[in-house]
Amino acid sequence: MKTSDFFFELPENLIAQYPPAERGKSRLMVLDRLTGKREHRVAEEFPAVLAGRFGGPGRVLLVFNNSRVRKARLPGRSAATGAAAEFLLVNRVDSLSWRTLVEKSKRKKPGSRYVFSGGVEAEIVDAETAGSGYSENPGFRCLRFDAPIDDDWLDNYGHVPLPPYITRPDEVSDSERYQTVYADRNAASALGPGASAAAPTAGLHFTERMLTELAAAGIETAFVTLHVGLGTFLPVRGENIEDHLMHEEVYSIGEDAAGKINAAKAGGKKIIAVGTTSVRTLESAWGSAGIRAGEGTTSIFIYPGYRFRAVDGLFTNFHTPGSTLLMLVSAFAGRELILESYAEAIRESYRFFSYGDAMLIC
């Protein structure tokens, strides 16, 4: 299958540069993947949409990704020349070293030193230190700091890692709006860092009131953790999608969440994943006896032809052309139906990508 099969033309003015004035006020397209019927609603109506679609209480389990976004964008300057450089901290390699993405990486050789806020300095080290996948992605550089930095330091000196299609600097409000209301600062893992380098953006639509309404409607919820990294947002560069290699991301599923999910499956409930990261977590952790509790890493790449085992529905945003995320939703609902639905969203002036509108596919 060709990467070009997943491209579409999107007017630039439909790329959301800011979230809606109030969380929950985004538009919601409801897509029936069996009939192809589409309905236009508002995100805050999601609890009522579920209740109307699936009947009384006890029929649905929603699964959320509760990973927290760290302030992973780190501006600095070359110690030698004073030239500005910005690094995106993707994940921690050891107590001092971080795997990063950086523009014009070929100019940033091992031994180059950089100065950051608070007097912190770091040096680019050899490729091998960055771990697997470094050589396949020339934008990687491994940055070794002179002293450990943690999320408290990043809260003071880092910036919100808004994606590159948001063409403005981050603002104070992004610290709250580019974070889900249920993000868990303690959702760490022994296998990796306790935060994400990008938001699980489907969750940005949910408010505390919506969560309360879901509970009142008898709609059960469970929380899993996948720390978003390169596996989620690196583009597909090859002509054939089968040649694309996903990078590993760390996930964790607690005993309570696994118990809820397995009981829901056994009881015939619909499992609806909130976000593609929740889908990838559930599908990665599915075994012969259902969902396995515990920690793991996943490099699962879901594209058309994949047979879903854990997930019956998906609440998600509208994704970038040619991305692995668009390929995942196409696997779930069919490429032609998804592209038809995206075309309708464009005609209806839906807002796209991280701060944009939402889609429920079930």
Protein backbone atom coordinates (compact mmCIF):
# COMPACT_ATOMS: atom_id res chain seq x y z
CA MET A 1 0.00 0.00 0.00
CA LYS A 2 1.35 3.44 -0.96
CA THR A 3 1.88 6.34 1.43
CA SER A 4 0.35 8.56 -1.27
CA ASP A 5 -2.95 6.69 -0.78
CA PHE A 6 -3.32 8.59 2.50
CA PHE A 7 -2.76 12.15 1.31
CA PHE A 8 -5.49 14.77 1.03
CA GLU A 9 -5.56 18.51 0.39
CA LEU A 10 -6.25 20.60 3.47
CA PRO A 11 -6.75 24.39 3.39
CA GLU A 12 -4.23 25.99 5.70
CA ASN A 13 -6.91 28.04 7.45
CA LEU A 14 -8.44 24.81 8.84
CA ILE A 15 -5.31 23.93 10.83
CA ALA A 16 -6.25 24.93 14.38
CA GLN A 17 -3.69 27.31 15.87
CA TYR A 18 -5.52 27.63 19.19
CA PRO A 19 -7.96 25.45 21.12
CA PRO A 20 -11.60 26.56 21.34
CA ALA A 21 -12.31 29.31 23.85
CA GLU A 22 -13.77 26.67 26.19
CA ARG A 23 -12.72 23.06 26.52
CA GLY A 24 -15.45 20.78 25.20
CA LYS A 25 -16.81 23.26 22.65
CA SER A 26 -15.11 21.67 19.64
CA ARG A 27 -17.27 20.07 16.97
CA LEU A 28 -17.78 16.31 16.91
CA MET A 29 -18.40 14.23 13.81
CA VAL A 30 -20.09 10.92 14.65
CA LEU A 31 -19.31 8.29 12.01
CA ASP A 32 -21.05 4.93 11.77
CA ARG A 33 -18.36 2.77 10.19
CA LEU A 34 -20.90 0.13 9.10
CA THR A 35 -23.44 2.37 7.36
CA GLY A 36 -21.20 5.34 6.58
CA LYS A 37 -23.76 7.71 8.10
CA ARG A 38 -22.33 10.91 9.58
CA GLU A 39 -23.80 13.21 12.21
CA HIS A 40 -22.51 16.62 13.35
CA ARG A 41 -22.54 17.33 17.07
CA VAL A 42 -20.43 19.14 19.72
CA ALA A 43 -17.77 17.42 21.84
CA GLU A 44 -19.48 18.20 25.14
CA GLU A 45 -22.50 16.21 23.87
CA PHE A 46 -20.40 13.05 23.78
CA PRO A 47 -21.96 11.51 26.94
CA ALA A 48 -25.45 12.00 25.47
CA VAL A 49 -24.30 10.64 22.10
CA LEU A 50 -23.03 7.45 23.75
CA ALA A 51 -26.16 7.02 25.85
CA GLY A 52 -28.36 7.47 22.80
CA ARG A 53 -26.31 5.17 20.62
CA PHE A 54 -25.77 2.28 23.01
CA GLY A 55 -28.82 2.46 25.24
CA GLY A 56 -28.87 2.19 29.01
CA PRO A 57 -26.04 2.06 31.55
CA GLY A 58 -23.47 -0.69 31.59
CA ARG A 59 -23.06 -0.96 27.81
CA VAL A 60 -19.82 0.96 27.22
CA LEU A 61 -16.31 1.20 28.66
CA LEU A 62 -14.17 4.20 27.72
CA VAL A 63 -10.39 3.83 27.88
CA PHE A 64 -8.26 6.98 28.30
CA ASN A 65 -4.50 7.56 28.10
CA ASN A 66 -3.54 9.49 31.25
CA SER A 67 0.06 10.32 30.30
CA ARG A 68 1.10 13.87 31.15
CA VAL A 69 2.86 16.16 28.67
CA ARG A 70 6.20 17.51 29.86
CA LYS A 71 7.59 20.87 28.72
CA ALA A 72 9.89 19.08 26.33
CA ARG A 73 10.96 21.92 24.01
CA LEU A 74 14.27 23.25 25.26
CA PRO A 75 15.77 26.38 23.62
CA GLY A 76 19.49 26.95 24.06
CA ARG A 77 22.60 28.39 22.44
CA SER A 78 25.86 27.00 21.13
CA ALA A 79 28.61 27.48 23.71
CA ALA A 80 31.08 28.08 20.85
CA THR A 81 29.17 30.45 18.55
CA GLY A 82 26.13 31.66 20.47
CA ALA A 83 23.84 30.42 17.67
CA ALA A 84 20.34 29.52 18.81
CA ALA A 85 19.29 25.86 18.85
CA GLU A 86 16.15 24.14 20.09
CA PHE A 87 15.97 20.52 21.19
CA LEU A 88 12.85 18.40 21.69
CA LEU A 89 13.48 16.00 24.57
CA VAL A 90 11.87 12.73 23.46
CA ASN A 91 12.89 10.34 26.21
CA ARG A 92 15.52 9.82 28.86
CA VAL A 93 18.40 7.44 28.08
CA ASP A 94 20.00 7.53 31.56
CA SER A 95 20.25 9.93 34.49
CA LEU A 96 22.10 12.54 32.41
CA SER A 97 21.30 11.74 28.77
CA TRP A 98 18.23 12.38 26.64
CA ARG A 99 17.30 11.29 23.13
CA THR A 100 16.27 14.46 21.29
CA LEU A 101 15.08 15.77 17.94
CA VAL A 102 16.74 18.89 16.59
CA GLU A 103 16.66 20.84 13.32
CA LYS A 104 19.82 21.05 11.14
CA SER A 105 21.11 18.05 13.04
CA LYS A 106 23.98 17.40 10.61
CA ARG A 107 25.65 20.57 11.88
CA LYS A 108 25.40 19.40 15.47
CA LYS A 109 28.35 17.04 15.85
CA PRO A 110 29.40 14.97 18.88
CA GLY A 111 31.38 17.19 21.22
CA SER A 112 29.29 20.30 20.47
CA ARG A 113 28.21 22.00 23.68
CA TYR A 114 25.06 24.00 24.37
CA VAL A 115 24.01 26.34 27.15
CA PHE A 116 20.46 26.45 28.51
CA SER A 117 18.53 28.53 31.02
CA GLY A 118 19.57 28.32 34.64
CA GLY A 119 23.22 27.87 33.70
CA VAL A 120 22.73 24.24 32.63
CA GLU A 121 25.05 22.91 29.91
CA ALA A 122 24.97 19.77 27.77
CA GLU A 123 27.07 18.07 25.11
CA ILE A 124 26.10 16.06 22.05
CA VAL A 125 27.49 12.55 22.41
CA ASP A 126 28.07 9.67 20.00
CA ALA A 127 25.22 8.06 18.08
CA GLU A 128 25.49 4.75 19.93
CA THR A 129 24.51 6.45 23.19
CA ALA A 130 21.13 7.38 21.74
CA GLY A 131 20.04 3.77 21.52
CA SER A 132 18.28 1.84 18.77
CA GLY A 133 16.83 3.72 15.84
CA TYR A 134 19.28 6.62 16.04
CA SER A 135 21.07 5.90 12.76
CA GLU A 136 17.78 5.57 10.85
CA ASN A 137 16.69 9.07 11.93
CA PRO A 138 19.31 11.73 11.28
CA GLY A 139 17.26 14.28 13.21
CA PHE A 140 18.15 12.45 16.44
CA ARG A 141 20.89 13.72 18.69
CA CYS A 142 21.73 12.41 22.12
CA LEU A 143 22.27 15.24 24.58
CA ARG A 144 24.25 14.56 27.77
CA PHE A 145 23.75 17.17 30.50
CA ASP A 146 26.41 18.09 33.04
CA ALA A 147 23.86 17.51 35.81
CA PRO A 148 20.49 15.71 35.91
CA ILE A 149 17.40 17.66 34.85
CA ASP A 150 13.89 16.63 35.90
CA ASP A 151 10.32 17.62 35.15
CA ASP A 152 10.37 20.31 37.86
CA TRP A 153 13.32 21.95 36.09
CA LEU A 154 11.54 21.61 32.73
CA ASP A 155 8.41 23.20 34.19
CA ASN A 156 10.55 26.27 34.90
CA TYR A 157 12.72 26.42 31.80
CA GLY A 158 11.13 24.24 29.12
CA HIS A 159 8.36 25.09 26.67
CA VAL A 160 5.12 23.30 25.75
CA PRO A 161 5.92 20.97 22.81
CA LEU A 162 3.35 22.32 20.37
CA PRO A 163 3.61 20.51 17.01
CA PRO A 164 5.26 22.29 14.06
CA TYR A 165 1.97 22.93 12.23
CA ILE A 166 1.05 25.29 15.08
CA THR A 167 3.08 28.19 13.78
CA ARG A 168 3.11 30.41 16.85
CA PRO A 169 5.18 30.38 20.03
CA ASP A 170 3.67 28.61 23.00
CA GLU A 171 1.78 30.80 25.44
CA VAL A 172 1.01 30.55 29.14
CA SER A 173 -2.46 29.17 28.37
CA ASP A 174 -0.95 26.21 26.48
CA SER A 175 0.43 24.84 29.75
CA GLU A 176 -3.17 24.07 30.73
CA ARG A 177 -4.89 23.56 27.36
CA TYR A 178 -2.26 21.19 25.86
CA GLN A 179 -2.83 18.87 28.81
CA THR A 180 -5.79 16.61 29.54
CA VAL A 181 -7.80 17.28 32.70
CA TYR A 182 -7.04 13.72 33.85
CA ALA A 183 -3.28 13.74 33.17
CA ASP A 184 -1.48 11.90 35.97
CA ARG A 185 1.89 13.26 37.03
CA ASN A 186 2.54 9.98 38.84
CA ALA A 187 1.88 7.80 35.76
CA ALA A 188 5.56 6.87 35.54
CA SER A 189 7.06 3.58 34.43
CA ALA A 190 10.10 1.60 35.44
CA LEU A 191 10.72 1.21 31.71
CA GLY A 192 10.84 4.86 30.81
CA PRO A 193 10.08 8.51 31.63
CA GLY A 194 6.88 9.52 33.31
CA ALA A 195 5.65 11.96 30.70
CA SER A 196 5.05 12.51 26.99
CA ALA A 197 6.73 14.60 24.29
CA ALA A 198 3.32 15.32 22.72
CA ALA A 199 -0.25 15.37 23.99
CA PRO A 200 -2.70 12.47 23.57
CA THR A 201 -4.84 15.07 21.87
CA ALA A 202 -8.20 13.28 21.71
CA GLY A 203 -8.38 13.70 25.47
CA LEU A 204 -8.07 17.49 25.26
CA HIS A 205 -11.81 17.72 24.52
CA PHE A 206 -12.89 16.26 27.87
CA THR A 207 -13.91 18.39 30.83
CA GLU A 208 -14.48 17.42 34.45
CA ARG A 209 -18.19 17.95 33.83
CA MET A 210 -18.16 15.53 30.90
CA LEU A 211 -16.45 12.89 33.04
CA THR A 212 -19.11 13.39 35.71
CA GLU A 213 -21.88 13.08 33.11
CA LEU A 214 -20.34 9.88 31.75
CA ALA A 215 -20.33 8.37 35.24
CA ALA A 216 -23.92 9.50 35.85
CA ALA A 217 -24.98 7.81 32.60
CA GLY A 218 -23.47 4.53 33.79
CA ILE A 219 -20.60 4.68 31.30
CA GLU A 220 -17.55 3.08 32.85
CA THR A 221 -14.01 4.46 32.42
CA ALA A 222 -10.52 3.01 32.68
CA PHE A 223 -7.11 4.66 32.42
CA VAL A 224 -4.00 3.27 30.76
CA THR A 225 -0.68 5.01 30.11
CA LEU A 226 1.34 5.36 26.93
CA HIS A 227 4.08 7.97 26.99
CA VAL A 228 3.88 9.60 23.57
CA GLY A 229 7.17 9.71 21.68
CA LEU A 230 8.56 9.21 18.20
CA GLY A 231 6.40 6.19 17.45
CA THR A 232 3.33 8.40 17.39
CA PHE A 233 4.45 11.46 15.47
CA LEU A 234 7.36 10.62 13.14
CA PRO A 235 6.22 10.88 9.50
CA VAL A 236 6.10 8.01 7.03
CA ARG A 237 8.92 8.77 4.60
CA GLY A 238 8.92 5.68 2.38
CA GLU A 239 6.83 5.12 -0.72
CA ASN A 240 5.36 1.89 0.67
CA ILE A 241 3.79 2.08 4.12
CA GLU A 242 4.88 -1.49 4.91
CA ASP A 243 8.49 -0.26 4.93
CA HIS A 244 7.87 2.20 7.78
CA LEU A 245 9.37 1.30 11.16
CA MET A 246 7.62 2.56 14.28
CA HIS A 247 9.74 3.53 17.28
CA GLU A 248 9.13 1.99 20.66
CA GLU A 249 6.99 3.77 23.22
CA VAL A 250 6.48 2.78 26.84
CA TYR A 251 3.04 1.78 28.12
CA SER A 252 1.57 0.60 31.39
CA ILE A 253 -1.77 -0.99 32.32
CA GLY A 254 -2.71 -1.42 35.97
CA GLU A 255 -4.45 -4.46 37.39
CA ASP A 256 -7.64 -2.47 37.99
CA ALA A 257 -7.80 -1.19 34.39
CA ALA A 258 -7.03 -4.62 32.94
CA GLY A 259 -9.75 -6.15 35.12
CA LYS A 260 -12.31 -3.59 33.96
CA ILE A 261 -11.43 -4.08 30.29
CA ASN A 262 -11.50 -7.87 30.45
CA ALA A 263 -14.78 -7.89 32.38
CA ALA A 264 -16.28 -5.49 29.82
CA LYS A 265 -15.24 -7.73 26.95
CA ALA A 266 -16.61 -10.80 28.67
CA GLY A 267 -19.88 -8.97 29.36
CA GLY A 268 -20.37 -7.83 25.78
CA LYS A 269 -19.71 -4.15 26.44
CA LYS A 270 -18.30 -1.90 23.74
CA ILE A 271 -14.70 -0.84 24.35
CA ILE A 272 -14.19 2.70 23.04
CA ALA A 273 -10.64 4.02 23.03
CA VAL A 274 -10.12 7.75 23.53
CA GLY A 275 -7.26 8.49 21.17
CA THR A 276 -4.99 6.48 18.91
CA THR A 277 -2.46 6.02 21.73
CA SER A 278 -5.12 4.22 23.78
CA VAL A 279 -5.82 2.01 20.74
CA ARG A 280 -2.16 1.13 20.33
CA THR A 281 -1.83 0.37 24.04
CA LEU A 282 -4.85 -1.96 24.10
CA GLU A 283 -3.98 -3.75 20.88
CA SER A 284 -0.37 -4.20 22.04
CA ALA A 285 -1.38 -5.63 25.41
CA TRP A 286 -4.03 -8.02 24.03
CA GLY A 287 -3.26 -11.72 24.48
CA SER A 288 -5.07 -15.02 24.36
CA ALA A 289 -6.64 -14.32 27.75
CA GLY A 290 -7.46 -10.68 27.05
CA ILE A 291 -5.62 -7.58 28.23
CA ARG A 292 -2.40 -8.23 30.13
CA ALA A 293 -1.68 -5.94 33.07
CA GLY A 294 1.85 -4.63 33.49
CA GLU A 295 4.43 -2.55 31.67
CA GLY A 296 5.83 -2.96 28.21
CA THR A 297 7.03 -1.26 25.07
CA THR A 298 5.22 -1.15 21.76
CA SER A 299 6.21 -0.40 18.19
CA ILE A 300 2.88 -1.57 16.77
CA PHE A 301 2.01 -0.04 13.38
CA ILE A 302 -1.69 -0.31 12.56
CA TYR A 303 -2.72 0.20 8.93
CA PRO A 304 -5.46 -1.19 6.65
CA GLY A 305 -5.64 -4.96 6.84
CA TYR A 306 -5.09 -5.02 10.60
CA ARG A 307 -7.68 -7.01 12.58
CA PHE A 308 -8.67 -5.20 15.78
CA ARG A 309 -9.02 -7.42 18.84
CA ALA A 310 -9.61 -5.12 21.79
CA VAL A 311 -11.26 -1.96 20.45
CA ASP A 312 -14.86 -1.52 19.23
CA GLY A 313 -14.96 2.26 18.87
CA LEU A 314 -12.61 5.23 18.66
CA PHE A 315 -12.85 8.88 19.75
CA THR A 316 -10.10 10.79 17.95
CA ASN A 317 -9.03 14.02 16.27
CA PHE A 318 -8.61 14.68 12.54
CA HIS A 319 -5.08 13.68 11.55
CA THR A 320 -2.35 14.91 9.25
CA PRO A 321 -2.10 13.67 5.65
CA GLY A 322 0.11 10.62 5.17
CA SER A 323 0.52 10.00 8.90
CA THR A 324 0.50 6.71 10.81
CA LEU A 325 -2.48 8.09 12.74
CA LEU A 326 -4.52 8.53 9.56
CA MET A 327 -3.52 4.99 8.57
CA LEU A 328 -4.74 3.69 11.95
CA VAL A 329 -8.19 5.26 11.66
CA SER A 330 -8.35 4.03 8.05
CA ALA A 331 -7.66 0.52 9.30
CA PHE A 332 -10.55 0.90 11.74
CA ALA A 333 -13.18 2.38 9.41
CA GLY A 334 -11.84 1.85 5.89
CA ARG A 335 -9.62 4.21 3.91
CA GLU A 336 -12.31 5.37 1.47
CA LEU A 337 -14.85 6.08 4.21
CA ILE A 338 -12.30 8.00 6.27
CA LEU A 339 -11.19 10.12 3.29
CA GLU A 340 -14.85 10.78 2.38
CA SER A 341 -15.48 11.86 6.00
CA TYR A 342 -12.42 14.10 5.97
CA ALA A 343 -13.64 15.68 2.73
CA GLU A 344 -16.99 16.40 4.39
CA ALA A 345 -15.19 17.84 7.41
CA ILE A 346 -13.31 20.19 5.10
CA ARG A 347 -16.53 21.25 3.38
CA GLU A 348 -18.07 21.89 6.82
CA SER A 349 -15.00 23.88 7.95
CA TYR A 350 -14.01 21.54 10.76
CA ARG A 351 -10.74 22.41 12.48
CA PHE A 352 -7.93 19.90 12.10
CA PHE A 353 -5.08 18.37 14.14
CA SER A 354 -4.07 18.75 17.81
CA TYR A 355 -6.24 21.72 18.80
CA GLY A 356 -8.95 20.87 16.26
CA ASP A 357 -12.28 19.09 16.25
CA ALA A 358 -13.09 15.46 17.06
CA MET A 359 -14.55 12.35 15.48
CA LEU A 360 -16.29 9.38 17.07
CA ILE A 361 -16.04 6.21 14.96
CA CYS A 362 -18.18 3.29 16.08
